[in-house]
Every structure is written in C-alpha cells, then in structure tokens.
PDB file of N, CA and C in Angstrom:
ATOM      1  N   MET A   1       0.907  -1.134   0.026  1.00  0.00           N
ATOM      2  CA  MET A   1      -0.025  -0.077  -0.043  1.00  0.00           C
ATOM      3  C   MET A   1       0.779   1.132  -0.055  1.00  0.00           C
ATOM      4  N   VAL A   2       0.441   2.136  -0.803  1.00  0.00           N
ATOM      5  CA  VAL A   2       1.126   3.451  -0.823  1.00  0.00           C
ATOM      6  C   VAL A   2       1.078   4.381   0.470  1.00  0.00           C
ATOM      7  N   ASP A   3       2.082   5.043   0.834  1.00  0.00           N
ATOM      8  CA  ASP A   3       2.000   5.907   2.087  1.00  0.00           C
ATOM      9  C   ASP A   3       1.497   7.202   1.230  1.00  0.00           C
ATOM     10  N   LEU A   4       0.497   7.607   1.481  1.00  0.00           N
ATOM     11  CA  LEU A   4      -0.057   8.902   0.904  1.00  0.00           C
ATOM     12  C   LEU A   4       0.803  10.090   1.462  1.00  0.00           C
ATOM     13  N   ALA A   5       1.192  10.196   2.867  1.00  0.00           N
ATOM     14  CA  ALA A   5       1.825  11.272   3.044  1.00  0.00           C
ATOM     15  C   ALA A   5       3.352  11.457   2.688  1.00  0.00           C
ATOM     16  N   ALA A   6       3.822  10.446   2.185  1.00  0.00           N
ATOM     17  CA  ALA A   6       5.316  10.227   1.561  1.00  0.00           C
ATOM     18  C   ALA A   6       4.913  10.622  -0.001  1.00  0.00           C
ATOM     19  N   ARG A   7       3.861  10.291  -0.445  1.00  0.00           N
ATOM     20  CA  ARG A   7       3.740  10.453  -1.893  1.00  0.00           C
ATOM     21  C   ARG A   7       3.493  11.984  -2.062  1.00  0.00           C
ATOM     22  N   PHE A   8       2.756  12.486  -1.116  1.00  0.00           N
ATOM     23  CA  PHE A   8       2.527  13.999  -1.344  1.00  0.00           C
ATOM     24  C   PHE A   8       3.759  14.802  -0.917  1.00  0.00           C
ATOM     25  N   GLU A   9       4.419  14.308  -0.034  1.00  0.00           N
ATOM     26  CA  GLU A   9       5.902  15.114   0.008  1.00  0.00           C
ATOM     27  C   GLU A   9       6.797  15.079  -1.142  1.00  0.00           C
ATOM     28  N   GLU A  10       6.904  13.837  -1.938  1.00  0.00           N
ATOM     29  CA  GLU A  10       7.503  13.700  -2.788  1.00  0.00           C
ATOM     30  C   GLU A  10       6.949  14.802  -4.134  1.00  0.00           C
ATOM     31  N   LEU A  11       5.824  14.648  -4.152  1.00  0.00           N
ATOM     32  CA  LEU A  11       5.085  15.631  -5.198  1.00  0.00           C
ATOM     33  C   LEU A  11       5.387  16.881  -4.914  1.00  0.00           C
ATOM     34  N   GLY A  12       5.255  17.366  -3.743  1.00  0.00           N
ATOM     35  CA  GLY A  12       5.495  18.689  -3.155  1.00  0.00           C
ATOM     36  C   GLY A  12       7.067  19.160  -3.499  1.00  0.00           C
ATOM     37  N   ARG A  13       8.067  18.087  -3.762  1.00  0.00           N
ATOM     38  CA  ARG A  13       9.299  18.540  -3.983  1.00  0.00           C
ATOM     39  C   ARG A  13       9.500  18.561  -5.488  1.00  0.00           C
ATOM     40  N   LEU A  14       8.752  17.577  -6.263  1.00  0.00           N
ATOM     41  CA  LEU A  14       8.761  17.839  -7.539  1.00  0.00           C
ATOM     42  C   LEU A  14       8.215  18.974  -8.380  1.00  0.00           C
ATOM     43  N   VAL A  15       7.081  19.521  -7.528  1.00  0.00           N
ATOM     44  CA  VAL A  15       6.282  20.605  -8.309  1.00  0.00           C
ATOM     45  C   VAL A  15       5.810  21.412  -6.876  1.00  0.00           C
ATOM     46  N   PRO A  16       6.827  22.346  -6.713  1.00  0.00           N
ATOM     47  CA  PRO A  16       6.835  23.169  -5.287  1.00  0.00           C
ATOM     48  C   PRO A  16       5.487  23.869  -5.410  1.00  0.00           C
ATOM     49  N   ILE A  17       4.755  23.858  -4.204  1.00  0.00           N
ATOM     50  CA  ILE A  17       3.594  24.653  -3.975  1.00  0.00           C
ATOM     51  C   ILE A  17       4.124  26.240  -3.402  1.00  0.00           C
ATOM     52  N   PRO A  18       3.489  27.033  -4.372  1.00  0.00           N
ATOM     53  CA  PRO A  18       3.765  28.504  -4.057  1.00  0.00           C
ATOM     54  C   PRO A  18       3.245  29.009  -2.728  1.00  0.00           C
ATOM     55  N   ASP A  19       4.050  29.729  -2.036  1.00  0.00           N
ATOM     56  CA  ASP A  19       3.805  30.549  -0.890  1.00  0.00           C
ATOM     57  C   ASP A  19       4.195  31.952  -0.704  1.00  0.00           C
ATOM     58  N   PRO A  20       3.288  32.724  -0.754  1.00  0.00           N
ATOM     59  CA  PRO A  20       1.814  32.417  -0.673  1.00  0.00           C
ATOM     60  C   PRO A  20       1.152  31.734  -1.685  1.00  0.00           C
ATOM     61  N   TRP A  21       0.107  31.014  -1.525  1.00  0.00           N
ATOM     62  CA  TRP A  21      -0.663  30.220  -2.489  1.00  0.00           C
ATOM     63  C   TRP A  21      -1.087  31.078  -3.610  1.00  0.00           C
ATOM     64  N   ASP A  22      -0.791  30.550  -4.785  1.00  0.00           N
ATOM     65  CA  ASP A  22      -1.235  31.254  -5.923  1.00  0.00           C
ATOM     66  C   ASP A  22      -1.668  29.885  -7.094  1.00  0.00           C
ATOM     67  N   ILE A  23      -3.012  30.113  -7.304  1.00  0.00           N
ATOM     68  CA  ILE A  23      -3.662  28.819  -8.403  1.00  0.00           C
ATOM     69  C   ILE A  23      -2.828  29.205  -9.677  1.00  0.00           C
ATOM     70  N   THR A  24      -2.809  30.109 -10.067  1.00  0.00           N
ATOM     71  CA  THR A  24      -2.262  30.474 -11.325  1.00  0.00           C
ATOM     72  C   THR A  24      -0.714  30.089 -11.509  1.00  0.00           C
ATOM     73  N   GLU A  25      -0.035  30.408 -10.398  1.00  0.00           N
ATOM     74  CA  GLU A  25       1.472  29.864 -10.368  1.00  0.00           C
ATOM     75  C   GLU A  25       1.767  28.436 -10.211  1.00  0.00           C
ATOM     76  N   TYR A  26       0.756  27.789  -9.606  1.00  0.00           N
ATOM     77  CA  TYR A  26       0.741  26.491  -9.110  1.00  0.00           C
ATOM     78  C   TYR A  26       0.399  25.451 -10.489  1.00  0.00           C
ATOM     79  N   ILE A  27      -0.495  26.166 -11.380  1.00  0.00           N
ATOM     80  CA  ILE A  27      -1.022  25.277 -12.481  1.00  0.00           C
ATOM     81  C   ILE A  27       0.290  25.598 -13.577  1.00  0.00           C
ATOM     82  N   ALA A  28       0.816  26.643 -13.549  1.00  0.00           N
ATOM     83  CA  ALA A  28       1.913  26.880 -14.411  1.00  0.00           C
ATOM     84  C   ALA A  28       3.253  25.845 -13.974  1.00  0.00           C
ATOM     85  N   ARG A  29       3.452  25.841 -12.800  1.00  0.00           N
ATOM     86  CA  ARG A  29       4.405  24.835 -12.219  1.00  0.00           C
ATOM     87  C   ARG A  29       3.917  23.267 -12.907  1.00  0.00           C
ATOM     88  N   VAL A  30       2.763  22.956 -12.570  1.00  0.00           N
ATOM     89  CA  VAL A  30       2.206  21.410 -12.972  1.00  0.00           C
ATOM     90  C   VAL A  30       2.535  21.333 -14.384  1.00  0.00           C
ATOM     91  N   ALA A  31       2.319  22.225 -15.121  1.00  0.00           N
ATOM     92  CA  ALA A  31       2.206  22.322 -16.470  1.00  0.00           C
ATOM     93  C   ALA A  31       3.688  22.116 -17.098  1.00  0.00           C
ATOM     94  N   GLU A  32       4.577  22.627 -16.267  1.00  0.00           N
ATOM     95  CA  GLU A  32       6.127  22.713 -16.760  1.00  0.00           C
ATOM     96  C   GLU A  32       6.633  21.419 -16.460  1.00  0.00           C
ATOM     97  N   TYR A  33       6.059  21.004 -15.265  1.00  0.00           N
ATOM     98  CA  TYR A  33       6.502  19.467 -15.034  1.00  0.00           C
ATOM     99  C   TYR A  33       6.043  18.599 -15.777  1.00  0.00           C
ATOM    100  N   ARG A  34       4.814  18.553 -16.210  1.00  0.00           N
ATOM    101  CA  ARG A  34       4.215  17.665 -17.106  1.00  0.00           C
ATOM    102  C   ARG A  34       4.600  17.661 -18.635  1.00  0.00           C
ATOM    103  N   GLU A  35       5.299  18.775 -18.866  1.00  0.00           N
ATOM    104  CA  GLU A  35       5.647  19.256 -20.394  1.00  0.00           C
ATOM    105  C   GLU A  35       4.647  19.398 -21.490  1.00  0.00           C
ATOM    106  N   ARG A  36       3.689  19.712 -20.706  1.00  0.00           N
ATOM    107  CA  ARG A  36       2.362  19.850 -21.528  1.00  0.00           C
ATOM    108  C   ARG A  36       1.431  21.161 -21.084  1.00  0.00           C
ATOM    109  N   PRO A  37       0.561  21.778 -21.959  1.00  0.00           N
ATOM    110  CA  PRO A  37      -0.369  22.903 -21.299  1.00  0.00           C
ATOM    111  C   PRO A  37      -1.052  22.287 -20.550  1.00  0.00           C
ATOM    112  N   ILE A  38      -1.786  23.143 -19.618  1.00  0.00           N
ATOM    113  CA  ILE A  38      -3.147  22.878 -19.101  1.00  0.00           C
ATOM    114  C   ILE A  38      -4.003  24.163 -19.263  1.00  0.00           C
ATOM    115  N   THR A  39      -5.188  23.788 -20.026  1.00  0.00           N
ATOM    116  CA  THR A  39      -5.855  24.921 -20.230  1.00  0.00           C
ATOM    117  C   THR A  39      -7.206  24.706 -19.382  1.00  0.00           C
ATOM    118  N   LEU A  40      -7.562  25.875 -18.790  1.00  0.00           N
ATOM    119  CA  LEU A  40      -8.660  26.018 -17.871  1.00  0.00           C
ATOM    120  C   LEU A  40     -10.013  26.329 -18.580  1.00  0.00           C
ATOM    121  N   CYS A  41     -11.021  25.836 -18.686  1.00  0.00           N
ATOM    122  CA  CYS A  41     -12.182  26.017 -19.206  1.00  0.00           C
ATOM    123  C   CYS A  41     -13.464  26.129 -18.446  1.00  0.00           C
ATOM    124  N   PRO A  42     -14.207  27.067 -18.424  1.00  0.00           N
ATOM    125  CA  PRO A  42     -15.391  27.195 -17.610  1.00  0.00           C
ATOM    126  C   PRO A  42     -16.294  26.202 -17.943  1.00  0.00           C
ATOM    127  N   ILE A  43     -17.154  25.623 -17.104  1.00  0.00           N
ATOM    128  CA  ILE A  43     -18.208  24.655 -17.296  1.00  0.00           C
ATOM    129  C   ILE A  43     -19.338  24.801 -16.364  1.00  0.00           C
ATOM    130  N   ASP A  44     -20.531  24.283 -17.036  1.00  0.00           N
ATOM    131  CA  ASP A  44     -21.614  24.522 -16.161  1.00  0.00           C
ATOM    132  C   ASP A  44     -21.670  23.801 -14.734  1.00  0.00           C
ATOM    133  N   ILE A  45     -21.669  24.036 -13.694  1.00  0.00           N
ATOM    134  CA  ILE A  45     -21.629  23.521 -12.517  1.00  0.00           C
ATOM    135  C   ILE A  45     -22.337  22.266 -12.533  1.00  0.00           C
ATOM    136  N   GLY A  46     -23.554  22.120 -13.248  1.00  0.00           N
ATOM    137  CA  GLY A  46     -24.328  21.086 -13.045  1.00  0.00           C
ATOM    138  C   GLY A  46     -23.822  20.058 -13.878  1.00  0.00           C
ATOM    139  N   ALA A  47     -22.782  20.432 -14.622  1.00  0.00           N
ATOM    140  CA  ALA A  47     -22.026  19.005 -15.334  1.00  0.00           C
ATOM    141  C   ALA A  47     -21.460  18.230 -14.454  1.00  0.00           C
ATOM    142  N   LEU A  48     -20.985  18.884 -13.018  1.00  0.00           N
ATOM    143  CA  LEU A  48     -20.053  18.277 -12.054  1.00  0.00           C
ATOM    144  C   LEU A  48     -20.888  17.530 -11.044  1.00  0.00           C
ATOM    145  N   LEU A  49     -22.233  17.845 -11.056  1.00  0.00           N
ATOM    146  CA  LEU A  49     -22.894  17.279  -9.764  1.00  0.00           C
ATOM    147  C   LEU A  49     -22.686  15.582  -9.756  1.00  0.00           C
ATOM    148  N   GLY A  50     -22.270  15.431  -8.619  1.00  0.00           N
ATOM    149  CA  GLY A  50     -22.137  13.887  -8.316  1.00  0.00           C
ATOM    150  C   GLY A  50     -20.767  13.283  -8.853  1.00  0.00           C
ATOM    151  N   ASN A  51     -20.163  14.149  -9.458  1.00  0.00           N
ATOM    152  CA  ASN A  51     -18.713  13.550 -10.094  1.00  0.00           C
ATOM    153  C   ASN A  51     -17.675  13.948  -9.268  1.00  0.00           C
ATOM    154  N   GLY A  52     -17.747  14.531  -7.963  1.00  0.00           N
ATOM    155  CA  GLY A  52     -16.336  14.773  -7.354  1.00  0.00           C
ATOM    156  C   GLY A  52     -15.905  16.015  -7.548  1.00  0.00           C
ATOM    157  N   GLY A  53     -16.104  17.104  -8.488  1.00  0.00           N
ATOM    158  CA  GLY A  53     -16.008  18.337  -8.520  1.00  0.00           C
ATOM    159  C   GLY A  53     -14.765  18.674  -9.602  1.00  0.00           C
ATOM    160  N   GLY A  54     -14.606  17.656 -10.518  1.00  0.00           N
ATOM    161  CA  GLY A  54     -13.478  18.202 -11.461  1.00  0.00           C
ATOM    162  C   GLY A  54     -13.647  17.424 -12.993  1.00  0.00           C
ATOM    163  N   LEU A  55     -13.025  17.915 -13.785  1.00  0.00           N
ATOM    164  CA  LEU A  55     -13.309  17.411 -15.169  1.00  0.00           C
ATOM    165  C   LEU A  55     -12.001  17.465 -16.036  1.00  0.00           C
ATOM    166  N   TRP A  56     -11.371  16.336 -16.296  1.00  0.00           N
ATOM    167  CA  TRP A  56     -10.163  16.123 -17.218  1.00  0.00           C
ATOM    168  C   TRP A  56     -10.574  15.746 -18.579  1.00  0.00           C
ATOM    169  N   ILE A  57     -10.166  16.565 -19.644  1.00  0.00           N
ATOM    170  CA  ILE A  57     -10.407  15.961 -20.994  1.00  0.00           C
ATOM    171  C   ILE A  57      -8.813  15.875 -21.686  1.00  0.00           C
ATOM    172  N   ALA A  58      -8.462  14.756 -22.117  1.00  0.00           N
ATOM    173  CA  ALA A  58      -7.356  14.578 -22.622  1.00  0.00           C
ATOM    174  C   ALA A  58      -7.665  14.686 -24.159  1.00  0.00           C
ATOM    175  N   ARG A  59      -6.667  15.733 -24.788  1.00  0.00           N
ATOM    176  CA  ARG A  59      -6.806  15.859 -26.015  1.00  0.00           C
ATOM    177  C   ARG A  59      -5.492  15.581 -26.841  1.00  0.00           C
ATOM    178  N   ARG A  60      -5.727  14.990 -27.936  1.00  0.00           N
ATOM    179  CA  ARG A  60      -4.814  14.355 -28.977  1.00  0.00           C
ATOM    180  C   ARG A  60      -3.607  15.330 -28.905  1.00  0.00           C
ATOM    181  N   GLN A  61      -3.626  16.619 -29.255  1.00  0.00           N
ATOM    182  CA  GLN A  61      -2.850  17.787 -29.620  1.00  0.00           C
ATOM    183  C   GLN A  61      -1.884  17.872 -28.334  1.00  0.00           C
ATOM    184  N   ASP A  62      -2.288  17.601 -27.193  1.00  0.00           N
ATOM    185  CA  ASP A  62      -1.586  18.025 -25.944  1.00  0.00           C
ATOM    186  C   ASP A  62      -0.637  16.936 -25.756  1.00  0.00           C
ATOM    187  N   PHE A  63      -0.684  15.911 -26.578  1.00  0.00           N
ATOM    188  CA  PHE A  63       0.383  14.956 -26.243  1.00  0.00           C
ATOM    189  C   PHE A  63       0.992  14.478 -27.722  1.00  0.00           C
ATOM    190  N   ARG A  64       1.038  15.376 -28.498  1.00  0.00           N
ATOM    191  CA  ARG A  64       1.389  15.219 -30.023  1.00  0.00           C
ATOM    192  C   ARG A  64       3.071  15.136 -29.790  1.00  0.00           C
ATOM    193  N   ASN A  65       3.536  16.095 -29.337  1.00  0.00           N
ATOM    194  CA  ASN A  65       5.054  16.516 -29.332  1.00  0.00           C
ATOM    195  C   ASN A  65       5.551  15.697 -28.327  1.00  0.00           C
ATOM    196  N   ARG A  66       5.098  15.120 -27.037  1.00  0.00           N
ATOM    197  CA  ARG A  66       5.593  14.323 -26.112  1.00  0.00           C
ATOM    198  C   ARG A  66       6.123  13.063 -26.398  1.00  0.00           C
ATOM    199  N   HIS A  67       5.456  12.462 -27.247  1.00  0.00           N
ATOM    200  CA  HIS A  67       5.550  10.902 -27.540  1.00  0.00           C
ATOM    201  C   HIS A  67       6.357  10.579 -29.051  1.00  0.00           C
ATOM    202  N   ARG A  68       7.075  11.404 -29.465  1.00  0.00           N
ATOM    203  CA  ARG A  68       7.806  11.249 -30.616  1.00  0.00           C
ATOM    204  C   ARG A  68       9.206  10.692 -30.530  1.00  0.00           C
TER     205      ARG A  68
END
C-alpha cells in the first residue's frame, strides 16, 4: 500500500507549492513539470454534480510532441 503522506511530500518536492498560495502559479508549475499545457475552461456547475468536482479532458494535440 502506498503511503499517501510520503507520496504528497514527494510531489511537493517535484512541483513546489507557491507560498503564498497562487493557483495560477501552481498550474504553471504543474504544466511545466508535465511538459504539456493545462487549459482551464469554464463549465456549467451542473455538469459536475455527483462527479467529485473536477473534469479532465485528454486531447490528442496535448500529447502530440511528447511521444515522438
């Protein structure tokens, strides 16, 4: 079983959390770490009901240059 505390510590080292907190900066850091962009798009809140609060859409063009 994975120790979640250890995993989050590792992720915090790989993608440092801005202090003070800045969501825009954190998203930029995650995108840089992943070597592909993150695009935020507004959606109707009703689309998230019962789904845990998030939506991820993988697009072919986001992976195009990474796997050559």
